[in-house]
Amino acid sequence: MINNLINLFGASSKFHLIKIFIIFGIAGSLSLILSDPLLELVSIEKFISNKILYWIIRLILIFPIYQFVLIALALVFGELNYFKKFFIKFINYFKIS
């Protein structure tokens, strides 16, 4: 099973796979942590009183934050070449043709 995960993620070893999972996990947690102060900085609660709309906006904001945090962590962990393809896919998703 671990070999299937190594092939699926394109990792070179078990250690590399663990490193990839750690980077994904930290990036997800940091993006959640950073989204709240960013929304407070913008003072979005003054404009939106509906909690459901607030959470929808926060979830939409988490996605781009996640991409930039992922690249920053990949740079710190020395895995920029591996995670660059995720960032390029994200940028191409918003490219206007």
PDB file of N, CA and C in Angstrom:
ATOM      1  N   MET A   1       0.818  -1.194   0.000  1.00  0.00           N
ATOM      2  CA  MET A   1       0.000   0.000   0.000  1.00  0.00           C
ATOM      3  C   MET A   1       0.864   1.260   0.000  1.00  0.00           C
ATOM      4  N   ILE A   2       1.926   1.250   0.780  1.00  0.00           N
ATOM      5  CA  ILE A   2       2.785   2.430   0.833  1.00  0.00           C
ATOM      6  C   ILE A   2       3.437   2.681  -0.517  1.00  0.00           C
ATOM      7  N   ASN A   3       3.726   1.607  -1.245  1.00  0.00           N
ATOM      8  CA  ASN A   3       4.310   1.773  -2.582  1.00  0.00           C
ATOM      9  C   ASN A   3       3.312   2.406  -3.552  1.00  0.00           C
ATOM     10  N   ASN A   4       2.031   2.100  -3.371  1.00  0.00           N
ATOM     11  CA  ASN A   4       1.000   2.737  -4.197  1.00  0.00           C
ATOM     12  C   ASN A   4       0.942   4.236  -3.932  1.00  0.00           C
ATOM     13  N   LEU A   5       1.066   4.623  -2.659  1.00  0.00           N
ATOM     14  CA  LEU A   5       1.070   6.046  -2.317  1.00  0.00           C
ATOM     15  C   LEU A   5       2.309   6.747  -2.874  1.00  0.00           C
ATOM     16  N   ILE A   6       3.439   6.066  -2.817  1.00  0.00           N
ATOM     17  CA  ILE A   6       4.674   6.638  -3.367  1.00  0.00           C
ATOM     18  C   ILE A   6       4.509   6.889  -4.862  1.00  0.00           C
ATOM     19  N   ASN A   7       3.921   5.930  -5.568  1.00  0.00           N
ATOM     20  CA  ASN A   7       3.688   6.105  -7.007  1.00  0.00           C
ATOM     21  C   ASN A   7       2.646   7.175  -7.287  1.00  0.00           C
ATOM     22  N   LEU A   8       1.579   7.208  -6.493  1.00  0.00           N
ATOM     23  CA  LEU A   8       0.500   8.177  -6.690  1.00  0.00           C
ATOM     24  C   LEU A   8       1.003   9.608  -6.529  1.00  0.00           C
ATOM     25  N   PHE A   9       1.816   9.852  -5.521  1.00  0.00           N
ATOM     26  CA  PHE A   9       2.314  11.198  -5.258  1.00  0.00           C
ATOM     27  C   PHE A   9       3.620  11.499  -5.973  1.00  0.00           C
ATOM     28  N   GLY A  10       4.190  10.537  -6.645  1.00  0.00           N
ATOM     29  CA  GLY A  10       5.433  10.766  -7.372  1.00  0.00           C
ATOM     30  C   GLY A  10       6.613  11.001  -6.449  1.00  0.00           C
ATOM     31  N   ALA A  11       6.571  10.394  -5.278  1.00  0.00           N
ATOM     32  CA  ALA A  11       7.654  10.547  -4.308  1.00  0.00           C
ATOM     33  C   ALA A  11       8.793   9.603  -4.674  1.00  0.00           C
ATOM     34  N   SER A  12       9.971   9.948  -4.219  1.00  0.00           N
ATOM     35  CA  SER A  12      11.140   9.123  -4.529  1.00  0.00           C
ATOM     36  C   SER A  12      11.430   8.083  -3.447  1.00  0.00           C
ATOM     37  N   SER A  13      10.871   8.265  -2.253  1.00  0.00           N
ATOM     38  CA  SER A  13      11.092   7.312  -1.161  1.00  0.00           C
ATOM     39  C   SER A  13      10.000   7.493  -0.104  1.00  0.00           C
ATOM     40  N   LYS A  14      10.043   6.635   0.917  1.00  0.00           N
ATOM     41  CA  LYS A  14       9.079   6.761   2.016  1.00  0.00           C
ATOM     42  C   LYS A  14       9.298   8.065   2.774  1.00  0.00           C
ATOM     43  N   PHE A  15      10.556   8.431   2.974  1.00  0.00           N
ATOM     44  CA  PHE A  15      10.867   9.680   3.659  1.00  0.00           C
ATOM     45  C   PHE A  15      10.341  10.880   2.870  1.00  0.00           C
ATOM     46  N   HIS A  16      10.496  10.845   1.550  1.00  0.00           N
ATOM     47  CA  HIS A  16      10.005  11.929   0.702  1.00  0.00           C
ATOM     48  C   HIS A  16       8.486  12.018   0.774  1.00  0.00           C
ATOM     49  N   LEU A  17       7.808  10.877   0.816  1.00  0.00           N
ATOM     50  CA  LEU A  17       6.348  10.856   0.931  1.00  0.00           C
ATOM     51  C   LEU A  17       5.902  11.462   2.260  1.00  0.00           C
ATOM     52  N   ILE A  18       6.581  11.118   3.335  1.00  0.00           N
ATOM     53  CA  ILE A  18       6.254  11.676   4.646  1.00  0.00           C
ATOM     54  C   ILE A  18       6.479  13.187   4.649  1.00  0.00           C
ATOM     55  N   LYS A  19       7.555  13.612   4.019  1.00  0.00           N
ATOM     56  CA  LYS A  19       7.860  15.040   3.915  1.00  0.00           C
ATOM     57  C   LYS A  19       6.754  15.772   3.153  1.00  0.00           C
ATOM     58  N   ILE A  20       6.262  15.174   2.077  1.00  0.00           N
ATOM     59  CA  ILE A  20       5.178  15.762   1.280  1.00  0.00           C
ATOM     60  C   ILE A  20       3.913  15.889   2.129  1.00  0.00           C
ATOM     61  N   PHE A  21       3.571  14.832   2.870  1.00  0.00           N
ATOM     62  CA  PHE A  21       2.379  14.868   3.720  1.00  0.00           C
ATOM     63  C   PHE A  21       2.505  15.922   4.809  1.00  0.00           C
ATOM     64  N   ILE A  22       3.688  16.060   5.382  1.00  0.00           N
ATOM     65  CA  ILE A  22       3.898  17.073   6.425  1.00  0.00           C
ATOM     66  C   ILE A  22       3.709  18.469   5.854  1.00  0.00           C
ATOM     67  N   ILE A  23       4.239  18.712   4.667  1.00  0.00           N
ATOM     68  CA  ILE A  23       4.096  20.028   4.029  1.00  0.00           C
ATOM     69  C   ILE A  23       2.629  20.321   3.728  1.00  0.00           C
ATOM     70  N   PHE A  24       1.910  19.339   3.183  1.00  0.00           N
ATOM     71  CA  PHE A  24       0.479  19.530   2.921  1.00  0.00           C
ATOM     72  C   PHE A  24      -0.288  19.815   4.214  1.00  0.00           C
ATOM     73  N   GLY A  25       0.018  19.096   5.270  1.00  0.00           N
ATOM     74  CA  GLY A  25      -0.674  19.279   6.540  1.00  0.00           C
ATOM     75  C   GLY A  25      -0.416  20.638   7.170  1.00  0.00           C
ATOM     76  N   ILE A  26       0.843  21.037   7.202  1.00  0.00           N
ATOM     77  CA  ILE A  26       1.187  22.337   7.784  1.00  0.00           C
ATOM     78  C   ILE A  26       0.575  23.466   6.963  1.00  0.00           C
ATOM     79  N   ALA A  27       0.605  23.326   5.638  1.00  0.00           N
ATOM     80  CA  ALA A  27       0.042  24.370   4.775  1.00  0.00           C
ATOM     81  C   ALA A  27      -1.460  24.515   5.003  1.00  0.00           C
ATOM     82  N   GLY A  28      -2.154  23.405   5.148  1.00  0.00           N
ATOM     83  CA  GLY A  28      -3.594  23.475   5.403  1.00  0.00           C
ATOM     84  C   GLY A  28      -3.907  24.137   6.732  1.00  0.00           C
ATOM     85  N   SER A  29      -3.171  23.757   7.757  1.00  0.00           N
ATOM     86  CA  SER A  29      -3.396  24.345   9.086  1.00  0.00           C
ATOM     87  C   SER A  29      -3.065  25.832   9.100  1.00  0.00           C
ATOM     88  N   LEU A  30      -1.949  26.205   8.490  1.00  0.00           N
ATOM     89  CA  LEU A  30      -1.562  27.616   8.455  1.00  0.00           C
ATOM     90  C   LEU A  30      -2.546  28.463   7.661  1.00  0.00           C
ATOM     91  N   SER A  31      -3.083  27.915   6.583  1.00  0.00           N
ATOM     92  CA  SER A  31      -4.041  28.702   5.800  1.00  0.00           C
ATOM     93  C   SER A  31      -5.309  28.967   6.599  1.00  0.00           C
ATOM     94  N   LEU A  32      -5.727  28.000   7.408  1.00  0.00           N
ATOM     95  CA  LEU A  32      -6.882  28.229   8.277  1.00  0.00           C
ATOM     96  C   LEU A  32      -6.572  29.271   9.338  1.00  0.00           C
ATOM     97  N   ILE A  33      -5.388  29.191   9.902  1.00  0.00           N
ATOM     98  CA  ILE A  33      -4.999  30.140  10.949  1.00  0.00           C
ATOM     99  C   ILE A  33      -4.871  31.548  10.389  1.00  0.00           C
ATOM    100  N   LEU A  34      -4.322  31.690   9.180  1.00  0.00           N
ATOM    101  CA  LEU A  34      -4.089  33.013   8.597  1.00  0.00           C
ATOM    102  C   LEU A  34      -5.348  33.657   8.036  1.00  0.00           C
ATOM    103  N   SER A  35      -6.365  32.873   7.729  1.00  0.00           N
ATOM    104  CA  SER A  35      -7.574  33.448   7.124  1.00  0.00           C
ATOM    105  C   SER A  35      -8.347  34.326   8.107  1.00  0.00           C
ATOM    106  N   ASP A  36      -8.373  33.962   9.374  1.00  0.00           N
ATOM    107  CA  ASP A  36      -9.132  34.743  10.353  1.00  0.00           C
ATOM    108  C   ASP A  36      -8.548  36.139  10.566  1.00  0.00           C
ATOM    109  N   PRO A  37      -7.232  36.292  10.812  1.00  0.00           N
ATOM    110  CA  PRO A  37      -6.703  37.659  10.965  1.00  0.00           C
ATOM    111  C   PRO A  37      -6.830  38.499   9.693  1.00  0.00           C
ATOM    112  N   LEU A  38      -6.766  37.843   8.543  1.00  0.00           N
ATOM    113  CA  LEU A  38      -6.911  38.582   7.295  1.00  0.00           C
ATOM    114  C   LEU A  38      -8.321  39.150   7.157  1.00  0.00           C
ATOM    115  N   LEU A  39      -9.319  38.373   7.529  1.00  0.00           N
ATOM    116  CA  LEU A  39     -10.694  38.863   7.486  1.00  0.00           C
ATOM    117  C   LEU A  39     -10.929  39.944   8.532  1.00  0.00           C
ATOM    118  N   GLU A  40     -10.273  39.834   9.677  1.00  0.00           N
ATOM    119  CA  GLU A  40     -10.391  40.887  10.693  1.00  0.00           C
ATOM    120  C   GLU A  40      -9.719  42.172  10.223  1.00  0.00           C
ATOM    121  N   LEU A  41      -8.623  42.043   9.496  1.00  0.00           N
ATOM    122  CA  LEU A  41      -7.920  43.207   8.963  1.00  0.00           C
ATOM    123  C   LEU A  41      -8.804  43.978   7.994  1.00  0.00           C
ATOM    124  N   VAL A  42      -9.559  43.264   7.200  1.00  0.00           N
ATOM    125  CA  VAL A  42     -10.459  43.876   6.226  1.00  0.00           C
ATOM    126  C   VAL A  42     -11.749  44.350   6.892  1.00  0.00           C
ATOM    127  N   SER A  43     -12.003  43.903   8.107  1.00  0.00           N
ATOM    128  CA  SER A  43     -13.227  44.217   8.860  1.00  0.00           C
ATOM    129  C   SER A  43     -14.473  43.771   8.114  1.00  0.00           C
ATOM    130  N   ILE A  44     -14.439  42.546   7.647  1.00  0.00           N
ATOM    131  CA  ILE A  44     -15.551  42.014   6.861  1.00  0.00           C
ATOM    132  C   ILE A  44     -16.825  41.868   7.698  1.00  0.00           C
ATOM    133  N   GLU A  45     -16.677  41.710   9.006  1.00  0.00           N
ATOM    134  CA  GLU A  45     -17.847  41.525   9.867  1.00  0.00           C
ATOM    135  C   GLU A  45     -18.712  42.774   9.950  1.00  0.00           C
ATOM    136  N   LYS A  46     -18.135  43.933   9.632  1.00  0.00           N
ATOM    137  CA  LYS A  46     -18.930  45.163   9.608  1.00  0.00           C
ATOM    138  C   LYS A  46     -19.893  45.177   8.425  1.00  0.00           C
ATOM    139  N   PHE A  47     -19.506  44.521   7.356  1.00  0.00           N
ATOM    140  CA  PHE A  47     -20.300  44.523   6.127  1.00  0.00           C
ATOM    141  C   PHE A  47     -21.229  43.320   6.025  1.00  0.00           C
ATOM    142  N   ILE A  48     -20.851  42.228   6.669  1.00  0.00           N
ATOM    143  CA  ILE A  48     -21.630  40.995   6.559  1.00  0.00           C
ATOM    144  C   ILE A  48     -22.054  40.551   7.949  1.00  0.00           C
ATOM    145  N   SER A  49     -23.351  40.488   8.171  1.00  0.00           N
ATOM    146  CA  SER A  49     -23.857  40.037   9.467  1.00  0.00           C
ATOM    147  C   SER A  49     -24.292  38.573   9.428  1.00  0.00           C
ATOM    148  N   ASN A  50     -24.469  38.044   8.238  1.00  0.00           N
ATOM    149  CA  ASN A  50     -24.892  36.658   8.078  1.00  0.00           C
ATOM    150  C   ASN A  50     -23.684  35.736   8.249  1.00  0.00           C
ATOM    151  N   LYS A  51     -23.738  34.837   9.225  1.00  0.00           N
ATOM    152  CA  LYS A  51     -22.609  33.935   9.514  1.00  0.00           C
ATOM    153  C   LYS A  51     -22.344  32.948   8.375  1.00  0.00           C
ATOM    154  N   ILE A  52     -23.397  32.522   7.706  1.00  0.00           N
ATOM    155  CA  ILE A  52     -23.212  31.578   6.598  1.00  0.00           C
ATOM    156  C   ILE A  52     -22.434  32.246   5.473  1.00  0.00           C
ATOM    157  N   LEU A  53     -22.771  33.468   5.149  1.00  0.00           N
ATOM    158  CA  LEU A  53     -22.049  34.202   4.110  1.00  0.00           C
ATOM    159  C   LEU A  53     -20.605  34.474   4.528  1.00  0.00           C
ATOM    160  N   TYR A  54     -20.417  34.770   5.827  1.00  0.00           N
ATOM    161  CA  TYR A  54     -19.060  34.972   6.352  1.00  0.00           C
ATOM    162  C   TYR A  54     -18.212  33.729   6.146  1.00  0.00           C
ATOM    163  N   TRP A  55     -18.758  32.550   6.450  1.00  0.00           N
ATOM    164  CA  TRP A  55     -17.997  31.314   6.303  1.00  0.00           C
ATOM    165  C   TRP A  55     -17.759  30.955   4.846  1.00  0.00           C
ATOM    166  N   ILE A  56     -18.691  31.289   3.979  1.00  0.00           N
ATOM    167  CA  ILE A  56     -18.472  31.052   2.548  1.00  0.00           C
ATOM    168  C   ILE A  56     -17.315  31.910   2.049  1.00  0.00           C
ATOM    169  N   ILE A  57     -17.296  33.171   2.447  1.00  0.00           N
ATOM    170  CA  ILE A  57     -16.197  34.066   2.055  1.00  0.00           C
ATOM    171  C   ILE A  57     -14.871  33.575   2.633  1.00  0.00           C
ATOM    172  N   ARG A  58     -14.907  33.121   3.884  1.00  0.00           N
ATOM    173  CA  ARG A  58     -13.674  32.618   4.502  1.00  0.00           C
ATOM    174  C   ARG A  58     -13.159  31.382   3.781  1.00  0.00           C
ATOM    175  N   LEU A  59     -14.047  30.477   3.410  1.00  0.00           N
ATOM    176  CA  LEU A  59     -13.623  29.277   2.680  1.00  0.00           C
ATOM    177  C   LEU A  59     -13.061  29.623   1.305  1.00  0.00           C
ATOM    178  N   ILE A  60     -13.660  30.601   0.650  1.00  0.00           N
ATOM    179  CA  ILE A  60     -13.140  31.038  -0.650  1.00  0.00           C
ATOM    180  C   ILE A  60     -11.764  31.671  -0.483  1.00  0.00           C
ATOM    181  N   LEU A  61     -11.552  32.382   0.594  1.00  0.00           N
ATOM    182  CA  LEU A  61     -10.272  33.030   0.859  1.00  0.00           C
ATOM    183  C   LEU A  61      -9.179  32.028   1.229  1.00  0.00           C
ATOM    184  N   ILE A  62      -9.561  30.937   1.865  1.00  0.00           N
ATOM    185  CA  ILE A  62      -8.577  29.942   2.304  1.00  0.00           C
ATOM    186  C   ILE A  62      -7.856  29.319   1.111  1.00  0.00           C
ATOM    187  N   PHE A  63      -8.546  29.102   0.012  1.00  0.00           N
ATOM    188  CA  PHE A  63      -7.931  28.428  -1.137  1.00  0.00           C
ATOM    189  C   PHE A  63      -6.711  29.169  -1.685  1.00  0.00           C
ATOM    190  N   PRO A  64      -6.781  30.475  -1.986  1.00  0.00           N
ATOM    191  CA  PRO A  64      -5.561  31.145  -2.468  1.00  0.00           C
ATOM    192  C   PRO A  64      -4.481  31.270  -1.390  1.00  0.00           C
ATOM    193  N   ILE A  65      -4.900  31.457  -0.139  1.00  0.00           N
ATOM    194  CA  ILE A  65      -3.911  31.511   0.942  1.00  0.00           C
ATOM    195  C   ILE A  65      -3.147  30.197   1.000  1.00  0.00           C
ATOM    196  N   TYR A  66      -3.869  29.098   0.869  1.00  0.00           N
ATOM    197  CA  TYR A  66      -3.258  27.765   0.911  1.00  0.00           C
ATOM    198  C   TYR A  66      -2.180  27.608  -0.162  1.00  0.00           C
ATOM    199  N   GLN A  67      -2.460  28.096  -1.351  1.00  0.00           N
ATOM    200  CA  GLN A  67      -1.498  27.941  -2.448  1.00  0.00           C
ATOM    201  C   GLN A  67      -0.194  28.672  -2.150  1.00  0.00           C
ATOM    202  N   PHE A  68      -0.294  29.885  -1.630  1.00  0.00           N
ATOM    203  CA  PHE A  68       0.912  30.658  -1.342  1.00  0.00           C
ATOM    204  C   PHE A  68       1.659  30.113  -0.122  1.00  0.00           C
ATOM    205  N   VAL A  69       0.927  29.641   0.871  1.00  0.00           N
ATOM    206  CA  VAL A  69       1.573  29.033   2.034  1.00  0.00           C
ATOM    207  C   VAL A  69       2.259  27.730   1.624  1.00  0.00           C
ATOM    208  N   LEU A  70       1.638  26.976   0.741  1.00  0.00           N
ATOM    209  CA  LEU A  70       2.224  25.730   0.252  1.00  0.00           C
ATOM    210  C   LEU A  70       3.555  25.992  -0.448  1.00  0.00           C
ATOM    211  N   ILE A  71       3.603  27.007  -1.280  1.00  0.00           N
ATOM    212  CA  ILE A  71       4.853  27.342  -1.970  1.00  0.00           C
ATOM    213  C   ILE A  71       5.905  27.815  -0.976  1.00  0.00           C
ATOM    214  N   ALA A  72       5.508  28.620  -0.008  1.00  0.00           N
ATOM    215  CA  ALA A  72       6.472  29.112   0.990  1.00  0.00           C
ATOM    216  C   ALA A  72       7.040  27.957   1.809  1.00  0.00           C
ATOM    217  N   LEU A  73       6.192  27.037   2.229  1.00  0.00           N
ATOM    218  CA  LEU A  73       6.673  25.888   2.992  1.00  0.00           C
ATOM    219  C   LEU A  73       7.523  24.952   2.133  1.00  0.00           C
ATOM    220  N   ALA A  74       7.147  24.796   0.878  1.00  0.00           N
ATOM    221  CA  ALA A  74       7.947  23.965  -0.022  1.00  0.00           C
ATOM    222  C   ALA A  74       9.345  24.553  -0.178  1.00  0.00           C
ATOM    223  N   LEU A  75       9.428  25.851  -0.220  1.00  0.00           N
ATOM    224  CA  LEU A  75      10.722  26.520  -0.307  1.00  0.00           C
ATOM    225  C   LEU A  75      11.545  26.271   0.959  1.00  0.00           C
ATOM    226  N   VAL A  76      10.895  26.368   2.116  1.00  0.00           N
ATOM    227  CA  VAL A  76      11.584  26.145   3.391  1.00  0.00           C
ATOM    228  C   VAL A  76      12.067  24.698   3.514  1.00  0.00           C
ATOM    229  N   PHE A  77      11.230  23.746   3.086  1.00  0.00           N
ATOM    230  CA  PHE A  77      11.578  22.335   3.186  1.00  0.00           C
ATOM    231  C   PHE A  77      12.422  21.839   2.015  1.00  0.00           C
ATOM    232  N   GLY A  78      12.702  22.682   1.043  1.00  0.00           N
ATOM    233  CA  GLY A  78      13.511  22.292  -0.100  1.00  0.00           C
ATOM    234  C   GLY A  78      12.781  21.448  -1.127  1.00  0.00           C
ATOM    235  N   GLU A  79      11.483  21.584  -1.208  1.00  0.00           N
ATOM    236  CA  GLU A  79      10.673  20.805  -2.146  1.00  0.00           C
ATOM    237  C   GLU A  79       9.955  21.697  -3.162  1.00  0.00           C
ATOM    238  N   LEU A  80      10.555  22.802  -3.515  1.00  0.00           N
ATOM    239  CA  LEU A  80       9.907  23.746  -4.420  1.00  0.00           C
ATOM    240  C   LEU A  80       9.628  23.125  -5.784  1.00  0.00           C
ATOM    241  N   ASN A  81      10.543  22.344  -6.311  1.00  0.00           N
ATOM    242  CA  ASN A  81      10.321  21.731  -7.632  1.00  0.00           C
ATOM    243  C   ASN A  81       9.127  20.792  -7.625  1.00  0.00           C
ATOM    244  N   TYR A  82       8.899  20.085  -6.525  1.00  0.00           N
ATOM    245  CA  TYR A  82       7.773  19.167  -6.449  1.00  0.00           C
ATOM    246  C   TYR A  82       6.446  19.930  -6.388  1.00  0.00           C
ATOM    247  N   PHE A  83       6.364  20.978  -5.572  1.00  0.00           N
ATOM    248  CA  PHE A  83       5.106  21.682  -5.353  1.00  0.00           C
ATOM    249  C   PHE A  83       4.849  22.783  -6.375  1.00  0.00           C
ATOM    250  N   LYS A  84       5.804  23.058  -7.226  1.00  0.00           N
ATOM    251  CA  LYS A  84       5.622  24.088  -8.244  1.00  0.00           C
ATOM    252  C   LYS A  84       4.477  23.744  -9.197  1.00  0.00           C
ATOM    253  N   LYS A  85       4.308  22.462  -9.491  1.00  0.00           N
ATOM    254  CA  LYS A  85       3.240  22.056 -10.419  1.00  0.00           C
ATOM    255  C   LYS A  85       1.854  22.340  -9.843  1.00  0.00           C
ATOM    256  N   PHE A  86       1.690  22.249  -8.520  1.00  0.00           N
ATOM    257  CA  PHE A  86       0.408  22.574  -7.899  1.00  0.00           C
ATOM    258  C   PHE A  86       0.116  24.071  -8.032  1.00  0.00           C
ATOM    259  N   PHE A  87       1.143  24.884  -7.835  1.00  0.00           N
ATOM    260  CA  PHE A  87       0.978  26.326  -7.929  1.00  0.00           C
ATOM    261  C   PHE A  87       0.685  26.741  -9.368  1.00  0.00           C
ATOM    262  N   ILE A  88       1.364  26.146 -10.320  1.00  0.00           N
ATOM    263  CA  ILE A  88       1.128  26.463 -11.737  1.00  0.00           C
ATOM    264  C   ILE A  88      -0.290  26.067 -12.144  1.00  0.00           C
ATOM    265  N   LYS A  89      -0.768  24.938 -11.644  1.00  0.00           N
ATOM    266  CA  LYS A  89      -2.137  24.506 -11.936  1.00  0.00           C
ATOM    267  C   LYS A  89      -3.139  25.517 -11.378  1.00  0.00           C
ATOM    268  N   PHE A  90      -2.854  26.041 -10.177  1.00  0.00           N
ATOM    269  CA  PHE A  90      -3.722  27.048  -9.553  1.00  0.00           C
ATOM    270  C   PHE A  90      -3.729  28.333 -10.377  1.00  0.00           C
ATOM    271  N   ILE A  91      -2.571  28.793 -10.818  1.00  0.00           N
ATOM    272  CA  ILE A  91      -2.473  30.027 -11.612  1.00  0.00           C
ATOM    273  C   ILE A  91      -3.180  29.845 -12.958  1.00  0.00           C
ATOM    274  N   ASN A  92      -2.995  28.697 -13.580  1.00  0.00           N
ATOM    275  CA  ASN A  92      -3.648  28.438 -14.867  1.00  0.00           C
ATOM    276  C   ASN A  92      -5.171  28.336 -14.744  1.00  0.00           C
ATOM    277  N   TYR A  93      -5.652  27.967 -13.579  1.00  0.00           N
ATOM    278  CA  TYR A  93      -7.094  27.872 -13.362  1.00  0.00           C
ATOM    279  C   TYR A  93      -7.753  29.241 -13.479  1.00  0.00           C
ATOM    280  N   PHE A  94      -7.038  30.289 -13.053  1.00  0.00           N
ATOM    281  CA  PHE A  94      -7.590  31.629 -13.086  1.00  0.00           C
ATOM    282  C   PHE A  94      -7.127  32.448 -14.286  1.00  0.00           C
ATOM    283  N   LYS A  95      -6.388  31.833 -15.189  1.00  0.00           N
ATOM    284  CA  LYS A  95      -5.916  32.539 -16.376  1.00  0.00           C
ATOM    285  C   LYS A  95      -7.088  32.836 -17.292  1.00  0.00           C
ATOM    286  N   ILE A  96      -7.141  34.069 -17.750  1.00  0.00           N
ATOM    287  CA  ILE A  96      -8.220  34.478 -18.646  1.00  0.00           C
ATOM    288  C   ILE A  96      -7.756  34.267 -20.092  1.00  0.00           C
ATOM    289  N   SER A  97      -8.537  33.522 -20.851  1.00  0.00           N
ATOM    290  CA  SER A  97      -8.151  33.223 -22.238  1.00  0.00           C
ATOM    291  C   SER A  97      -8.781  34.206 -23.183  1.00  0.00           C
TER     292      SER A  97
END
